[in-house]
Amino acid sequence: MLNENIQALRKSKGLSQEELALKLNVVRQTVSKWERGLSVPDAEMLVALGETLDVPVSKDEARGDGALPRTARRETLR
């Protein structure tokens, strides 16, 4: 799911929740909630996450349910 992908990608980049939060201009608790599946980033934040974590996501691909698009899912499995 999205929460697991965010956490795995963040860790693969060697970032703490705090460091990722700073890059995205959110608080650490927001990243924690995404990773625990308690909330999901909106479409604009998904794009920002993709850019920060080097996973391609476009606004057209960001789905309303918070799932990463197929291209991003494939990228995270490699």
N, C-alpha and C. Protein backbone atom coordinates (compact mmCIF):
# COMPACT_ATOMS: atom_id res chain seq x y z
N MET A 1 0.83 -1.18 0.00
CA MET A 1 0.00 0.00 0.00
C MET A 1 0.88 1.26 0.00
N LEU A 2 0.22 2.36 -0.14
CA LEU A 2 0.92 3.63 -0.23
C LEU A 2 1.78 3.89 1.00
N ASN A 3 1.23 3.63 2.18
CA ASN A 3 1.98 3.91 3.41
C ASN A 3 3.30 3.13 3.45
N GLU A 4 3.27 1.87 3.05
CA GLU A 4 4.48 1.06 3.05
C GLU A 4 5.47 1.56 2.00
N ASN A 5 4.96 1.99 0.84
CA ASN A 5 5.83 2.51 -0.21
C ASN A 5 6.54 3.79 0.24
N ILE A 6 5.80 4.68 0.89
CA ILE A 6 6.40 5.93 1.36
C ILE A 6 7.53 5.62 2.33
N GLN A 7 7.26 4.73 3.29
CA GLN A 7 8.27 4.40 4.28
C GLN A 7 9.49 3.74 3.64
N ALA A 8 9.26 2.78 2.75
CA ALA A 8 10.37 2.07 2.11
C ALA A 8 11.22 3.02 1.26
N LEU A 9 10.56 3.89 0.50
CA LEU A 9 11.30 4.83 -0.34
C LEU A 9 12.07 5.83 0.50
N ARG A 10 11.45 6.31 1.57
CA ARG A 10 12.14 7.26 2.47
C ARG A 10 13.40 6.62 3.04
N LYS A 11 13.26 5.40 3.52
CA LYS A 11 14.40 4.71 4.12
C LYS A 11 15.47 4.42 3.08
N SER A 12 15.06 4.07 1.85
CA SER A 12 16.04 3.78 0.80
C SER A 12 16.86 5.01 0.43
N LYS A 13 16.29 6.19 0.67
CA LYS A 13 17.01 7.45 0.42
C LYS A 13 17.80 7.89 1.65
N GLY A 14 17.72 7.12 2.73
CA GLY A 14 18.47 7.46 3.94
C GLY A 14 17.91 8.66 4.68
N LEU A 15 16.61 8.91 4.52
CA LEU A 15 15.98 10.07 5.16
C LEU A 15 15.21 9.65 6.40
N SER A 16 15.27 10.47 7.42
CA SER A 16 14.40 10.28 8.58
C SER A 16 13.04 10.90 8.26
N GLN A 17 12.05 10.61 9.08
CA GLN A 17 10.74 11.25 8.89
C GLN A 17 10.89 12.76 8.98
N GLU A 18 11.69 13.23 9.90
CA GLU A 18 11.90 14.66 10.08
C GLU A 18 12.53 15.29 8.84
N GLU A 19 13.53 14.63 8.27
CA GLU A 19 14.19 15.16 7.07
C GLU A 19 13.24 15.21 5.88
N LEU A 20 12.44 14.16 5.70
CA LEU A 20 11.46 14.16 4.61
C LEU A 20 10.43 15.26 4.84
N ALA A 21 9.98 15.40 6.07
CA ALA A 21 9.01 16.44 6.40
C ALA A 21 9.55 17.83 6.06
N LEU A 22 10.80 18.08 6.40
CA LEU A 22 11.40 19.38 6.09
C LEU A 22 11.44 19.64 4.59
N LYS A 23 11.78 18.62 3.82
CA LYS A 23 11.85 18.77 2.36
C LYS A 23 10.47 19.06 1.76
N LEU A 24 9.42 18.54 2.41
CA LEU A 24 8.06 18.70 1.90
C LEU A 24 7.30 19.86 2.57
N ASN A 25 7.96 20.50 3.54
CA ASN A 25 7.35 21.61 4.26
C ASN A 25 6.09 21.18 5.03
N VAL A 26 6.20 20.03 5.67
CA VAL A 26 5.15 19.54 6.56
C VAL A 26 5.81 19.16 7.88
N VAL A 27 5.00 18.85 8.88
CA VAL A 27 5.56 18.43 10.16
C VAL A 27 5.83 16.92 10.14
N ARG A 28 6.72 16.48 11.00
CA ARG A 28 7.08 15.06 11.06
C ARG A 28 5.86 14.17 11.30
N GLN A 29 4.92 14.66 12.10
CA GLN A 29 3.73 13.88 12.41
C GLN A 29 2.91 13.56 11.16
N THR A 30 2.95 14.46 10.17
CA THR A 30 2.24 14.21 8.92
C THR A 30 2.85 13.02 8.20
N VAL A 31 4.16 12.98 8.11
CA VAL A 31 4.85 11.85 7.47
C VAL A 31 4.54 10.57 8.24
N SER A 32 4.56 10.65 9.56
CA SER A 32 4.25 9.49 10.39
C SER A 32 2.84 8.97 10.10
N LYS A 33 1.88 9.86 9.98
CA LYS A 33 0.50 9.45 9.69
C LYS A 33 0.39 8.79 8.31
N TRP A 34 1.11 9.33 7.32
CA TRP A 34 1.11 8.70 5.99
C TRP A 34 1.66 7.29 6.09
N GLU A 35 2.77 7.13 6.80
CA GLU A 35 3.44 5.83 6.89
C GLU A 35 2.64 4.82 7.71
N ARG A 36 1.83 5.28 8.63
CA ARG A 36 0.99 4.38 9.42
C ARG A 36 -0.37 4.15 8.78
N GLY A 37 -0.62 4.82 7.65
CA GLY A 37 -1.89 4.64 6.95
C GLY A 37 -3.05 5.36 7.60
N LEU A 38 -2.77 6.34 8.45
CA LEU A 38 -3.83 7.09 9.13
C LEU A 38 -4.35 8.24 8.28
N SER A 39 -3.56 8.67 7.31
CA SER A 39 -3.99 9.69 6.36
C SER A 39 -3.21 9.46 5.07
N VAL A 40 -3.65 10.12 4.01
CA VAL A 40 -2.96 10.00 2.73
C VAL A 40 -2.66 11.39 2.20
N PRO A 41 -1.54 11.54 1.51
CA PRO A 41 -1.22 12.84 0.91
C PRO A 41 -2.18 13.14 -0.23
N ASP A 42 -2.49 14.43 -0.42
CA ASP A 42 -3.34 14.81 -1.55
C ASP A 42 -2.53 14.72 -2.84
N ALA A 43 -3.19 14.98 -3.97
CA ALA A 43 -2.55 14.82 -5.28
C ALA A 43 -1.29 15.67 -5.42
N GLU A 44 -1.36 16.92 -4.98
CA GLU A 44 -0.18 17.79 -5.09
C GLU A 44 0.97 17.29 -4.22
N MET A 45 0.64 16.78 -3.04
CA MET A 45 1.69 16.27 -2.16
C MET A 45 2.26 14.97 -2.72
N LEU A 46 1.43 14.15 -3.38
CA LEU A 46 1.95 12.94 -4.02
C LEU A 46 2.99 13.29 -5.07
N VAL A 47 2.72 14.35 -5.83
CA VAL A 47 3.68 14.79 -6.84
C VAL A 47 4.97 15.24 -6.15
N ALA A 48 4.85 16.02 -5.08
CA ALA A 48 6.03 16.48 -4.34
C ALA A 48 6.80 15.30 -3.74
N LEU A 49 6.08 14.32 -3.21
CA LEU A 49 6.72 13.12 -2.67
C LEU A 49 7.49 12.40 -3.77
N GLY A 50 6.86 12.26 -4.91
CA GLY A 50 7.51 11.59 -6.04
C GLY A 50 8.80 12.29 -6.44
N GLU A 51 8.75 13.61 -6.50
CA GLU A 51 9.95 14.37 -6.86
C GLU A 51 11.04 14.21 -5.81
N THR A 52 10.65 14.26 -4.56
CA THR A 52 11.62 14.16 -3.47
C THR A 52 12.24 12.77 -3.37
N LEU A 53 11.42 11.75 -3.64
CA LEU A 53 11.89 10.37 -3.51
C LEU A 53 12.29 9.75 -4.84
N ASP A 54 12.34 10.56 -5.89
CA ASP A 54 12.74 10.10 -7.23
C ASP A 54 11.85 9.00 -7.79
N VAL A 55 10.54 9.16 -7.61
CA VAL A 55 9.56 8.25 -8.18
C VAL A 55 8.63 9.08 -9.05
N PRO A 56 8.49 8.72 -10.34
CA PRO A 56 7.66 9.54 -11.23
C PRO A 56 6.17 9.45 -10.86
N VAL A 57 5.57 10.60 -10.62
CA VAL A 57 4.14 10.72 -10.34
C VAL A 57 3.69 12.02 -10.97
N SER A 58 2.65 11.98 -11.78
CA SER A 58 2.10 13.22 -12.34
C SER A 58 0.75 13.49 -11.69
N LYS A 59 0.31 14.73 -11.76
CA LYS A 59 -1.00 15.08 -11.19
C LYS A 59 -2.10 14.27 -11.85
N ASP A 60 -1.96 13.97 -13.14
CA ASP A 60 -2.97 13.18 -13.84
C ASP A 60 -2.99 11.74 -13.34
N GLU A 61 -1.85 11.25 -12.88
CA GLU A 61 -1.76 9.87 -12.40
C GLU A 61 -2.15 9.71 -10.94
N ALA A 62 -2.00 10.77 -10.16
CA ALA A 62 -2.30 10.68 -8.73
C ALA A 62 -3.79 10.42 -8.56
N ARG A 63 -4.10 9.26 -8.03
CA ARG A 63 -5.50 8.86 -7.90
C ARG A 63 -6.09 9.39 -6.61
N GLY A 64 -7.39 9.59 -6.61
CA GLY A 64 -8.08 10.14 -5.45
C GLY A 64 -8.02 9.27 -4.21
N ASP A 65 -7.74 7.97 -4.37
CA ASP A 65 -7.72 7.10 -3.20
C ASP A 65 -6.36 7.06 -2.51
N GLY A 66 -5.40 7.86 -3.02
CA GLY A 66 -4.09 7.93 -2.40
C GLY A 66 -3.12 6.86 -2.85
N ALA A 67 -3.55 5.99 -3.76
CA ALA A 67 -2.65 4.94 -4.25
C ALA A 67 -1.66 5.52 -5.24
N LEU A 68 -0.47 4.98 -5.25
CA LEU A 68 0.49 5.39 -6.26
C LEU A 68 0.06 4.81 -7.60
N PRO A 69 0.31 5.53 -8.67
CA PRO A 69 -0.03 5.01 -10.00
C PRO A 69 0.81 3.78 -10.32
N ARG A 70 0.38 3.03 -11.33
CA ARG A 70 1.08 1.79 -11.70
C ARG A 70 2.56 2.02 -11.96
N THR A 71 2.92 3.12 -12.64
CA THR A 71 4.33 3.35 -12.94
C THR A 71 5.13 3.51 -11.67
N ALA A 72 4.58 4.18 -10.68
CA ALA A 72 5.29 4.37 -9.42
C ALA A 72 5.38 3.05 -8.65
N ARG A 73 4.32 2.25 -8.70
CA ARG A 73 4.36 0.96 -8.01
C ARG A 73 5.44 0.07 -8.62
N ARG A 74 5.53 0.05 -9.93
CA ARG A 74 6.56 -0.75 -10.59
C ARG A 74 7.95 -0.27 -10.15
N GLU A 75 8.11 1.04 -10.07
CA GLU A 75 9.41 1.60 -9.71
C GLU A 75 9.82 1.18 -8.30
N THR A 76 8.84 1.12 -7.38
CA THR A 76 9.18 0.79 -5.99
C THR A 76 9.52 -0.68 -5.82
N LEU A 77 9.10 -1.53 -6.74
CA LEU A 77 9.36 -2.95 -6.62
C LEU A 77 10.73 -3.35 -7.14
N ARG A 78 11.38 -2.49 -7.88
CA ARG A 78 12.68 -2.83 -8.47
C ARG A 78 13.78 -2.85 -7.44
